């Protein structure tokens, strides 16, 4: 898992530095930290196998978090978490996130979940959130994004 976190960190750094900024990866602590040059005020933390502190979306028990990235720039936090759940939980997860977005007051766009793939995207109060669910046969892949 540590190697995977470093690979994800490298991708984050590459994207962050595409405009000519510079940065570094520090894998020495418990999490892998990506820092982009001081002038941008931005950084990213790649968290291995756990939900990052402060993650505002629900994460039901019974899943396995693959990776998580939290980026901060100019005081704005963005979260991205991927997880896997048992394949019989697709409908339950869809209903959970659909209801969560509605309860949070998001204006939501939803794709048809009958194909074993669903995307929910919502906006409200200066926040955006998205959920991608994909039934892979033996697991349900879940990708969650939340941007303040």
Protein backbone atom coordinates (compact mmCIF):
# COMPACT_ATOMS: atom_id res chain seq x y z
CA UNK A 1 0.00 0.00 0.00
CA UNK A 2 2.87 2.42 0.75
CA UNK A 3 4.14 2.16 -2.82
CA UNK A 4 0.63 2.84 -4.11
CA UNK A 5 0.40 5.95 -1.92
CA UNK A 6 3.71 7.22 -3.28
CA UNK A 7 2.52 6.63 -6.87
CA UNK A 8 -0.70 8.55 -6.15
CA UNK A 9 1.39 11.32 -4.54
CA UNK A 10 3.56 11.52 -7.66
CA UNK A 11 0.45 11.91 -9.83
CA UNK A 12 -0.86 14.65 -7.52
CA UNK A 13 2.49 16.46 -7.64
CA UNK A 14 2.65 16.16 -11.41
CA UNK A 15 -0.81 17.70 -11.80
CA UNK A 16 -0.10 20.44 -9.27
CA UNK A 17 3.14 21.41 -10.98
CA UNK A 18 1.80 21.40 -14.54
CA UNK A 19 1.80 25.21 -14.52
CA UNK A 20 5.51 25.51 -13.80
CA UNK A 21 5.40 25.39 -10.01
CA UNK A 22 7.76 23.09 -8.14
CA UNK A 23 7.20 20.74 -5.23
CA UNK A 24 8.35 17.68 -3.32
CA UNK A 25 7.09 14.40 -1.90
CA UNK A 26 7.83 13.49 1.73
CA UNK A 27 7.06 9.81 2.46
CA UNK A 28 8.87 9.81 5.83
CA UNK A 29 5.85 10.27 8.12
CA UNK A 30 2.73 8.19 8.61
CA UNK A 31 1.14 9.80 5.55
CA UNK A 32 2.75 10.74 2.26
CA UNK A 33 2.83 14.54 2.04
CA UNK A 34 3.10 16.45 -1.23
CA UNK A 35 4.12 20.09 -0.90
CA UNK A 36 3.90 22.51 -3.80
CA UNK A 37 6.13 25.62 -3.70
CA UNK A 38 5.51 28.04 -0.85
CA UNK A 39 4.13 30.80 -3.07
CA UNK A 40 1.02 28.76 -3.89
CA UNK A 41 0.18 27.93 -0.29
CA UNK A 42 -0.92 24.47 -1.41
CA UNK A 43 -0.17 20.94 -0.35
CA UNK A 44 -1.64 17.46 -0.56
CA UNK A 45 -1.69 14.57 1.86
CA UNK A 46 -2.11 11.00 0.63
CA UNK A 47 -3.62 8.85 3.37
CA UNK A 48 -3.13 5.11 3.13
CA UNK A 49 -6.08 2.83 3.77
CA UNK A 50 -8.14 5.16 5.94
CA UNK A 51 -10.65 7.96 5.71
CA UNK A 52 -8.89 11.32 6.14
CA UNK A 53 -9.65 13.40 9.19
CA UNK A 54 -12.47 15.84 8.54
CA UNK A 55 -13.85 13.98 5.50
CA UNK A 56 -17.45 15.26 5.34
CA UNK A 57 -19.11 12.46 3.35
CA UNK A 58 -20.50 9.28 4.90
CA UNK A 59 -18.32 6.16 4.80
CA UNK A 60 -20.36 3.11 5.81
CA UNK A 61 -18.71 0.22 7.61
CA UNK A 62 -17.74 -2.90 5.71
CA UNK A 63 -15.63 -1.30 3.00
CA UNK A 64 -11.92 -1.08 2.43
CA UNK A 65 -10.43 2.35 1.74
CA UNK A 66 -7.87 2.05 -1.06
CA UNK A 67 -6.49 5.58 -0.89
CA UNK A 68 -7.38 9.12 -0.04
CA UNK A 69 -5.97 12.47 -1.09
CA UNK A 70 -6.61 15.75 0.69
CA UNK A 71 -5.40 18.91 -1.03
CA UNK A 72 -5.32 22.36 0.45
CA UNK A 73 -4.77 25.53 -1.51
CA UNK A 74 -5.54 29.07 -0.44
CA UNK A 75 -7.54 27.77 2.53
CA UNK A 76 -9.74 25.54 0.35
CA UNK A 77 -9.81 21.80 1.06
CA UNK A 78 -10.56 19.13 -1.52
CA UNK A 79 -10.98 15.46 -0.65
CA UNK A 80 -10.89 12.37 -2.84
CA UNK A 81 -11.42 8.88 -1.39
CA UNK A 82 -11.63 5.53 -3.18
CA UNK A 83 -12.94 2.39 -1.52
CA UNK A 84 -14.21 -1.10 -2.29
CA UNK A 85 -17.32 -2.74 -0.83
CA UNK A 86 -18.85 -6.21 -1.20
CA UNK A 87 -20.70 -6.55 -4.52
CA UNK A 88 -24.12 -6.95 -2.90
CA UNK A 89 -24.04 -3.36 -1.54
CA UNK A 90 -24.39 -1.37 -4.78
CA UNK A 91 -28.06 -0.42 -4.27
CA UNK A 92 -27.54 0.35 -0.58
CA UNK A 93 -24.57 2.63 -1.35
CA UNK A 94 -26.42 4.38 -4.16
CA UNK A 95 -29.40 5.08 -1.90
CA UNK A 96 -27.14 6.28 0.94
CA UNK A 97 -25.25 8.82 -1.18
CA UNK A 98 -28.35 9.95 -3.08
CA UNK A 99 -30.11 10.65 0.24
CA UNK A 100 -27.00 12.29 1.74
CA UNK A 101 -26.75 14.73 -1.19
CA UNK A 102 -30.45 15.54 -0.98
CA UNK A 103 -30.24 16.08 2.81
CA UNK A 104 -27.16 18.31 2.33
CA UNK A 105 -29.18 20.56 0.01
CA UNK A 106 -27.21 19.83 -3.14
CA UNK A 107 -28.69 20.28 -6.58
CA UNK A 108 -27.99 16.76 -7.82
CA UNK A 109 -27.52 15.21 -11.25
CA UNK A 110 -27.86 11.42 -11.22
CA UNK A 111 -27.10 8.80 -13.85
CA UNK A 112 -29.26 5.68 -14.13
CA UNK A 113 -27.88 3.08 -11.69
CA UNK A 114 -29.51 0.06 -13.37
CA UNK A 115 -26.42 -0.67 -15.45
CA UNK A 116 -24.20 -1.32 -12.42
CA UNK A 117 -22.62 2.12 -12.81
CA UNK A 118 -23.86 5.33 -11.28
CA UNK A 119 -22.62 8.87 -10.90
CA UNK A 120 -24.11 11.45 -8.58
CA UNK A 121 -22.84 15.00 -8.78
CA UNK A 122 -24.07 17.86 -6.65
CA UNK A 123 -23.48 21.51 -5.89
CA UNK A 124 -24.67 23.81 -3.16
CA UNK A 125 -23.45 26.51 -0.79
CA UNK A 126 -20.10 26.82 -2.57
CA UNK A 127 -19.39 23.09 -2.23
CA UNK A 128 -19.30 20.39 -4.89
CA UNK A 129 -19.49 16.65 -4.31
CA UNK A 130 -19.48 13.64 -6.55
CA UNK A 131 -19.93 9.91 -6.12
CA UNK A 132 -19.06 7.24 -8.65
CA UNK A 133 -20.22 3.69 -8.01
CA UNK A 134 -19.19 0.82 -10.26
CA UNK A 135 -20.16 -2.82 -9.78
CA UNK A 136 -17.04 -4.74 -10.76
CA UNK A 137 -18.62 -8.18 -10.31
CA UNK A 138 -16.93 -9.14 -7.04
CA UNK A 139 -16.68 -5.65 -5.50
CA UNK A 140 -18.33 -2.26 -5.75
CA UNK A 141 -15.78 0.45 -6.51
CA UNK A 142 -16.64 3.76 -4.83
CA UNK A 143 -14.98 7.08 -5.70
CA UNK A 144 -15.93 10.08 -3.57
CA UNK A 145 -14.92 13.70 -4.15
CA UNK A 146 -15.76 16.74 -2.04
CA UNK A 147 -14.49 20.27 -2.73
CA UNK A 148 -15.06 23.15 -0.32
